[in-house]
Amino acid sequence: MKLDRITFDPKLMGGKPCIRGMRVTVGTLVGLVASGSTFDDILSAYPYIEIEDIKQALSYAAWRSEEIEMPFLAA
């Protein structure tokens, strides 16, 4: 899975995954799609976003949803 448009910077948006170092989070794009916005709607509202950004945001969110968090038990 190619996710080269997803960036992380602790100084930007609290370290949340963002799109190409911009102040647009993966969560913002995924939330827009989840609420019924089409790709065209998003591209119109965010002219600096590209269709591949949206696709990678969705791929990243799907990948993260499959992760399993394992608690550490103190020895």
PDB file of N, CA and C in Angstrom:
ATOM      1  N   MET A   1       0.849  -1.168   0.000  1.00  0.00           N
ATOM      2  CA  MET A   1       0.000   0.000   0.000  1.00  0.00           C
ATOM      3  C   MET A   1       0.901   1.239   0.000  1.00  0.00           C
ATOM      4  N   LYS A   2       0.679   2.110  -0.939  1.00  0.00           N
ATOM      5  CA  LYS A   2       1.473   3.325  -1.074  1.00  0.00           C
ATOM      6  C   LYS A   2       0.771   4.467  -0.340  1.00  0.00           C
ATOM      7  N   LEU A   3       1.435   5.008   0.688  1.00  0.00           N
ATOM      8  CA  LEU A   3       0.868   6.101   1.470  1.00  0.00           C
ATOM      9  C   LEU A   3       1.860   7.252   1.574  1.00  0.00           C
ATOM     10  N   ASP A   4       2.431   7.641   0.459  1.00  0.00           N
ATOM     11  CA  ASP A   4       3.468   8.665   0.462  1.00  0.00           C
ATOM     12  C   ASP A   4       2.925  10.086   0.609  1.00  0.00           C
ATOM     13  N   ARG A   5       1.619  10.247   0.614  1.00  0.00           N
ATOM     14  CA  ARG A   5       1.023  11.572   0.781  1.00  0.00           C
ATOM     15  C   ARG A   5       0.602  11.823   2.228  1.00  0.00           C
ATOM     16  N   ILE A   6       0.703  10.825   3.069  1.00  0.00           N
ATOM     17  CA  ILE A   6       0.340  10.951   4.482  1.00  0.00           C
ATOM     18  C   ILE A   6       1.605  11.318   5.253  1.00  0.00           C
ATOM     19  N   THR A   7       1.560  12.446   5.944  1.00  0.00           N
ATOM     20  CA  THR A   7       2.737  12.926   6.663  1.00  0.00           C
ATOM     21  C   THR A   7       2.421  13.131   8.142  1.00  0.00           C
ATOM     22  N   PHE A   8       3.467  13.102   8.944  1.00  0.00           N
ATOM     23  CA  PHE A   8       3.353  13.297  10.384  1.00  0.00           C
ATOM     24  C   PHE A   8       4.396  14.322  10.812  1.00  0.00           C
ATOM     25  N   ASP A   9       3.968  15.311  11.553  1.00  0.00           N
ATOM     26  CA  ASP A   9       4.880  16.330  12.077  1.00  0.00           C
ATOM     27  C   ASP A   9       4.314  16.759  13.430  1.00  0.00           C
ATOM     28  N   PRO A  10       5.060  16.510  14.511  1.00  0.00           N
ATOM     29  CA  PRO A  10       4.540  16.872  15.833  1.00  0.00           C
ATOM     30  C   PRO A  10       4.251  18.368  15.985  1.00  0.00           C
ATOM     31  N   LYS A  11       4.813  19.191  15.115  1.00  0.00           N
ATOM     32  CA  LYS A  11       4.587  20.638  15.179  1.00  0.00           C
ATOM     33  C   LYS A  11       3.379  21.080  14.345  1.00  0.00           C
ATOM     34  N   LEU A  12       2.767  20.141  13.648  1.00  0.00           N
ATOM     35  CA  LEU A  12       1.654  20.467  12.753  1.00  0.00           C
ATOM     36  C   LEU A  12       0.425  19.667  13.152  1.00  0.00           C
ATOM     37  N   MET A  13      -0.645  20.350  13.478  1.00  0.00           N
ATOM     38  CA  MET A  13      -1.922  19.715  13.814  1.00  0.00           C
ATOM     39  C   MET A  13      -1.778  18.684  14.929  1.00  0.00           C
ATOM     40  N   GLY A  14      -0.895  18.960  15.880  1.00  0.00           N
ATOM     41  CA  GLY A  14      -0.724  18.066  17.024  1.00  0.00           C
ATOM     42  C   GLY A  14      -0.164  16.706  16.672  1.00  0.00           C
ATOM     43  N   GLY A  15       0.508  16.594  15.535  1.00  0.00           N
ATOM     44  CA  GLY A  15       1.091  15.322  15.129  1.00  0.00           C
ATOM     45  C   GLY A  15       0.124  14.377  14.445  1.00  0.00           C
ATOM     46  N   LYS A  16      -1.093  14.836  14.205  1.00  0.00           N
ATOM     47  CA  LYS A  16      -2.073  13.986  13.513  1.00  0.00           C
ATOM     48  C   LYS A  16      -1.607  13.742  12.080  1.00  0.00           C
ATOM     49  N   PRO A  17      -2.019  12.609  11.498  1.00  0.00           N
ATOM     50  CA  PRO A  17      -1.665  12.367  10.102  1.00  0.00           C
ATOM     51  C   PRO A  17      -2.309  13.417   9.196  1.00  0.00           C
ATOM     52  N   CYS A  18      -1.476  14.037   8.364  1.00  0.00           N
ATOM     53  CA  CYS A  18      -1.917  15.116   7.478  1.00  0.00           C
ATOM     54  C   CYS A  18      -1.644  14.757   6.027  1.00  0.00           C
ATOM     55  N   ILE A  19      -2.143  15.576   5.162  1.00  0.00           N
ATOM     56  CA  ILE A  19      -1.953  15.403   3.725  1.00  0.00           C
ATOM     57  C   ILE A  19      -0.796  16.278   3.264  1.00  0.00           C
ATOM     58  N   ARG A  20       0.256  15.655   2.779  1.00  0.00           N
ATOM     59  CA  ARG A  20       1.415  16.313   2.181  1.00  0.00           C
ATOM     60  C   ARG A  20       1.935  17.506   2.981  1.00  0.00           C
ATOM     61  N   GLY A  21       1.955  17.373   4.300  1.00  0.00           N
ATOM     62  CA  GLY A  21       2.507  18.422   5.142  1.00  0.00           C
ATOM     63  C   GLY A  21       1.636  19.653   5.268  1.00  0.00           C
ATOM     64  N   MET A  22       0.410  19.577   4.797  1.00  0.00           N
ATOM     65  CA  MET A  22      -0.516  20.706   4.890  1.00  0.00           C
ATOM     66  C   MET A  22      -1.345  20.582   6.163  1.00  0.00           C
ATOM     67  N   ARG A  23      -2.084  21.610   6.466  1.00  0.00           N
ATOM     68  CA  ARG A  23      -2.928  21.623   7.650  1.00  0.00           C
ATOM     69  C   ARG A  23      -4.306  21.009   7.356  1.00  0.00           C
ATOM     70  N   VAL A  24      -4.296  19.920   6.636  1.00  0.00           N
ATOM     71  CA  VAL A  24      -5.508  19.150   6.340  1.00  0.00           C
ATOM     72  C   VAL A  24      -5.252  17.739   6.842  1.00  0.00           C
ATOM     73  N   THR A  25      -6.035  17.305   7.820  1.00  0.00           N
ATOM     74  CA  THR A  25      -5.802  15.987   8.399  1.00  0.00           C
ATOM     75  C   THR A  25      -6.526  14.888   7.614  1.00  0.00           C
ATOM     76  N   VAL A  26      -6.007  13.693   7.788  1.00  0.00           N
ATOM     77  CA  VAL A  26      -6.668  12.512   7.231  1.00  0.00           C
ATOM     78  C   VAL A  26      -8.093  12.451   7.774  1.00  0.00           C
ATOM     79  N   GLY A  27      -8.247  12.726   9.066  1.00  0.00           N
ATOM     80  CA  GLY A  27      -9.570  12.685   9.692  1.00  0.00           C
ATOM     81  C   GLY A  27     -10.557  13.643   9.061  1.00  0.00           C
ATOM     82  N   THR A  28     -10.087  14.811   8.650  1.00  0.00           N
ATOM     83  CA  THR A  28     -10.962  15.777   7.985  1.00  0.00           C
ATOM     84  C   THR A  28     -11.505  15.198   6.687  1.00  0.00           C
ATOM     85  N   LEU A  29     -10.613  14.644   5.872  1.00  0.00           N
ATOM     86  CA  LEU A  29     -11.055  14.104   4.576  1.00  0.00           C
ATOM     87  C   LEU A  29     -11.954  12.885   4.761  1.00  0.00           C
ATOM     88  N   VAL A  30     -11.581  12.006   5.671  1.00  0.00           N
ATOM     89  CA  VAL A  30     -12.400  10.810   5.910  1.00  0.00           C
ATOM     90  C   VAL A  30     -13.770  11.218   6.455  1.00  0.00           C
ATOM     91  N   GLY A  31     -13.789  12.191   7.346  1.00  0.00           N
ATOM     92  CA  GLY A  31     -15.059  12.675   7.889  1.00  0.00           C
ATOM     93  C   GLY A  31     -15.956  13.276   6.823  1.00  0.00           C
ATOM     94  N   LEU A  32     -15.360  14.014   5.897  1.00  0.00           N
ATOM     95  CA  LEU A  32     -16.148  14.591   4.807  1.00  0.00           C
ATOM     96  C   LEU A  32     -16.773  13.507   3.939  1.00  0.00           C
ATOM     97  N   VAL A  33     -15.983  12.491   3.605  1.00  0.00           N
ATOM     98  CA  VAL A  33     -16.516  11.384   2.797  1.00  0.00           C
ATOM     99  C   VAL A  33     -17.618  10.655   3.578  1.00  0.00           C
ATOM    100  N   ALA A  34     -17.370  10.414   4.865  1.00  0.00           N
ATOM    101  CA  ALA A  34     -18.351   9.703   5.695  1.00  0.00           C
ATOM    102  C   ALA A  34     -19.665  10.469   5.821  1.00  0.00           C
ATOM    103  N   SER A  35     -19.583  11.791   5.767  1.00  0.00           N
ATOM    104  CA  SER A  35     -20.805  12.587   5.906  1.00  0.00           C
ATOM    105  C   SER A  35     -21.517  12.816   4.573  1.00  0.00           C
ATOM    106  N   GLY A  36     -21.006  12.216   3.515  1.00  0.00           N
ATOM    107  CA  GLY A  36     -21.711  12.264   2.239  1.00  0.00           C
ATOM    108  C   GLY A  36     -21.104  13.165   1.175  1.00  0.00           C
ATOM    109  N   SER A  37     -20.007  13.834   1.495  1.00  0.00           N
ATOM    110  CA  SER A  37     -19.357  14.669   0.477  1.00  0.00           C
ATOM    111  C   SER A  37     -18.755  13.793  -0.609  1.00  0.00           C
ATOM    112  N   THR A  38     -18.916  14.208  -1.837  1.00  0.00           N
ATOM    113  CA  THR A  38     -18.285  13.483  -2.936  1.00  0.00           C
ATOM    114  C   THR A  38     -16.847  13.968  -3.087  1.00  0.00           C
ATOM    115  N   PHE A  39     -16.067  13.229  -3.849  1.00  0.00           N
ATOM    116  CA  PHE A  39     -14.699  13.668  -4.119  1.00  0.00           C
ATOM    117  C   PHE A  39     -14.730  15.054  -4.776  1.00  0.00           C
ATOM    118  N   ASP A  40     -15.646  15.263  -5.690  1.00  0.00           N
ATOM    119  CA  ASP A  40     -15.754  16.567  -6.357  1.00  0.00           C
ATOM    120  C   ASP A  40     -16.086  17.678  -5.368  1.00  0.00           C
ATOM    121  N   ASP A  41     -16.962  17.388  -4.400  1.00  0.00           N
ATOM    122  CA  ASP A  41     -17.288  18.373  -3.362  1.00  0.00           C
ATOM    123  C   ASP A  41     -16.029  18.773  -2.594  1.00  0.00           C
ATOM    124  N   ILE A  42     -15.251  17.773  -2.220  1.00  0.00           N
ATOM    125  CA  ILE A  42     -14.033  18.018  -1.433  1.00  0.00           C
ATOM    126  C   ILE A  42     -13.011  18.791  -2.255  1.00  0.00           C
ATOM    127  N   LEU A  43     -12.839  18.393  -3.496  1.00  0.00           N
ATOM    128  CA  LEU A  43     -11.874  19.078  -4.359  1.00  0.00           C
ATOM    129  C   LEU A  43     -12.279  20.536  -4.604  1.00  0.00           C
ATOM    130  N   SER A  44     -13.563  20.803  -4.625  1.00  0.00           N
ATOM    131  CA  SER A  44     -14.026  22.188  -4.787  1.00  0.00           C
ATOM    132  C   SER A  44     -13.786  23.004  -3.516  1.00  0.00           C
ATOM    133  N   ALA A  45     -14.026  22.384  -2.369  1.00  0.00           N
ATOM    134  CA  ALA A  45     -13.863  23.085  -1.096  1.00  0.00           C
ATOM    135  C   ALA A  45     -12.390  23.274  -0.722  1.00  0.00           C
ATOM    136  N   TYR A  46     -11.549  22.361  -1.154  1.00  0.00           N
ATOM    137  CA  TYR A  46     -10.113  22.392  -0.860  1.00  0.00           C
ATOM    138  C   TYR A  46      -9.351  22.302  -2.180  1.00  0.00           C
ATOM    139  N   PRO A  47      -9.201  23.394  -2.899  1.00  0.00           N
ATOM    140  CA  PRO A  47      -8.604  23.353  -4.245  1.00  0.00           C
ATOM    141  C   PRO A  47      -7.152  22.877  -4.275  1.00  0.00           C
ATOM    142  N   TYR A  48      -6.480  22.869  -3.142  1.00  0.00           N
ATOM    143  CA  TYR A  48      -5.084  22.404  -3.072  1.00  0.00           C
ATOM    144  C   TYR A  48      -4.993  20.912  -2.785  1.00  0.00           C
ATOM    145  N   ILE A  49      -6.130  20.253  -2.586  1.00  0.00           N
ATOM    146  CA  ILE A  49      -6.182  18.799  -2.389  1.00  0.00           C
ATOM    147  C   ILE A  49      -6.361  18.139  -3.745  1.00  0.00           C
ATOM    148  N   GLU A  50      -5.722  16.984  -3.905  1.00  0.00           N
ATOM    149  CA  GLU A  50      -5.834  16.210  -5.143  1.00  0.00           C
ATOM    150  C   GLU A  50      -6.583  14.915  -4.864  1.00  0.00           C
ATOM    151  N   ILE A  51      -7.142  14.337  -5.907  1.00  0.00           N
ATOM    152  CA  ILE A  51      -7.939  13.113  -5.739  1.00  0.00           C
ATOM    153  C   ILE A  51      -7.119  12.001  -5.078  1.00  0.00           C
ATOM    154  N   GLU A  52      -5.842  11.909  -5.407  1.00  0.00           N
ATOM    155  CA  GLU A  52      -4.996  10.875  -4.798  1.00  0.00           C
ATOM    156  C   GLU A  52      -4.839  11.098  -3.295  1.00  0.00           C
ATOM    157  N   ASP A  53      -4.897  12.355  -2.844  1.00  0.00           N
ATOM    158  CA  ASP A  53      -4.856  12.647  -1.408  1.00  0.00           C
ATOM    159  C   ASP A  53      -6.054  12.017  -0.705  1.00  0.00           C
ATOM    160  N   ILE A  54      -7.225  12.155  -1.293  1.00  0.00           N
ATOM    161  CA  ILE A  54      -8.441  11.593  -0.701  1.00  0.00           C
ATOM    162  C   ILE A  54      -8.355  10.073  -0.670  1.00  0.00           C
ATOM    163  N   LYS A  55      -7.917   9.479  -1.768  1.00  0.00           N
ATOM    164  CA  LYS A  55      -7.810   8.020  -1.837  1.00  0.00           C
ATOM    165  C   LYS A  55      -6.838   7.491  -0.795  1.00  0.00           C
ATOM    166  N   GLN A  56      -5.694   8.161  -0.648  1.00  0.00           N
ATOM    167  CA  GLN A  56      -4.722   7.702   0.340  1.00  0.00           C
ATOM    168  C   GLN A  56      -5.224   7.917   1.768  1.00  0.00           C
ATOM    169  N   ALA A  57      -5.961   8.989   2.007  1.00  0.00           N
ATOM    170  CA  ALA A  57      -6.539   9.211   3.331  1.00  0.00           C
ATOM    171  C   ALA A  57      -7.495   8.075   3.693  1.00  0.00           C
ATOM    172  N   LEU A  58      -8.310   7.666   2.744  1.00  0.00           N
ATOM    173  CA  LEU A  58      -9.236   6.558   2.976  1.00  0.00           C
ATOM    174  C   LEU A  58      -8.485   5.244   3.184  1.00  0.00           C
ATOM    175  N   SER A  59      -7.442   5.021   2.397  1.00  0.00           N
ATOM    176  CA  SER A  59      -6.635   3.801   2.553  1.00  0.00           C
ATOM    177  C   SER A  59      -5.963   3.768   3.910  1.00  0.00           C
ATOM    178  N   TYR A  60      -5.427   4.902   4.331  1.00  0.00           N
ATOM    179  CA  TYR A  60      -4.761   4.983   5.631  1.00  0.00           C
ATOM    180  C   TYR A  60      -5.762   4.704   6.756  1.00  0.00           C
ATOM    181  N   ALA A  61      -6.939   5.301   6.669  1.00  0.00           N
ATOM    182  CA  ALA A  61      -7.954   5.089   7.698  1.00  0.00           C
ATOM    183  C   ALA A  61      -8.386   3.622   7.761  1.00  0.00           C
ATOM    184  N   ALA A  62      -8.532   2.993   6.609  1.00  0.00           N
ATOM    185  CA  ALA A  62      -8.909   1.576   6.580  1.00  0.00           C
ATOM    186  C   ALA A  62      -7.814   0.722   7.201  1.00  0.00           C
ATOM    187  N   TRP A  63      -6.566   1.024   6.885  1.00  0.00           N
ATOM    188  CA  TRP A  63      -5.439   0.279   7.436  1.00  0.00           C
ATOM    189  C   TRP A  63      -5.390   0.441   8.959  1.00  0.00           C
ATOM    190  N   ARG A  64      -5.551   1.676   9.447  1.00  0.00           N
ATOM    191  CA  ARG A  64      -5.508   1.934  10.890  1.00  0.00           C
ATOM    192  C   ARG A  64      -6.651   1.241  11.617  1.00  0.00           C
ATOM    193  N   SER A  65      -7.796   1.126  10.984  1.00  0.00           N
ATOM    194  CA  SER A  65      -8.941   0.502  11.652  1.00  0.00           C
ATOM    195  C   SER A  65      -8.733  -0.993  11.853  1.00  0.00           C
ATOM    196  N   GLU A  66      -7.809  -1.575  11.120  1.00  0.00           N
ATOM    197  CA  GLU A  66      -7.526  -3.001  11.244  1.00  0.00           C
ATOM    198  C   GLU A  66      -6.438  -3.308  12.270  1.00  0.00           C
ATOM    199  N   GLU A  67      -5.763  -2.276  12.764  1.00  0.00           N
ATOM    200  CA  GLU A  67      -4.714  -2.501  13.760  1.00  0.00           C
ATOM    201  C   GLU A  67      -5.330  -2.959  15.071  1.00  0.00           C
ATOM    202  N   ILE A  68      -4.588  -3.780  15.770  1.00  0.00           N
ATOM    203  CA  ILE A  68      -5.008  -4.256  17.081  1.00  0.00           C
ATOM    204  C   ILE A  68      -4.053  -3.701  18.112  1.00  0.00           C
ATOM    205  N   GLU A  69      -4.578  -3.055  19.127  1.00  0.00           N
ATOM    206  CA  GLU A  69      -3.734  -2.543  20.188  1.00  0.00           C
ATOM    207  C   GLU A  69      -3.660  -3.580  21.294  1.00  0.00           C
ATOM    208  N   MET A  70      -2.441  -3.877  21.694  1.00  0.00           N
ATOM    209  CA  MET A  70      -2.210  -4.879  22.741  1.00  0.00           C
ATOM    210  C   MET A  70      -1.725  -4.152  23.988  1.00  0.00           C
ATOM    211  N   PRO A  71      -2.420  -4.350  25.111  1.00  0.00           N
ATOM    212  CA  PRO A  71      -1.970  -3.693  26.340  1.00  0.00           C
ATOM    213  C   PRO A  71      -0.704  -4.337  26.880  1.00  0.00           C
ATOM    214  N   PHE A  72       0.167  -3.520  27.429  1.00  0.00           N
ATOM    215  CA  PHE A  72       1.345  -4.042  28.105  1.00  0.00           C
ATOM    216  C   PHE A  72       0.962  -4.376  29.533  1.00  0.00           C
ATOM    217  N   LEU A  73       1.391  -5.507  29.987  1.00  0.00           N
ATOM    218  CA  LEU A  73       1.153  -5.887  31.380  1.00  0.00           C
ATOM    219  C   LEU A  73       2.455  -5.679  32.137  1.00  0.00           C
ATOM    220  N   ALA A  74       2.372  -5.004  33.249  1.00  0.00           N
ATOM    221  CA  ALA A  74       3.576  -4.761  34.059  1.00  0.00           C
ATOM    222  C   ALA A  74       4.079  -6.078  34.624  1.00  0.00           C
ATOM    223  N   ALA A  75       5.380  -6.225  34.627  1.00  0.00           N
ATOM    224  CA  ALA A  75       5.975  -7.482  35.131  1.00  0.00           C
ATOM    225  C   ALA A  75       5.924  -7.544  36.628  1.00  0.00           C
TER     226      ALA A  75
END
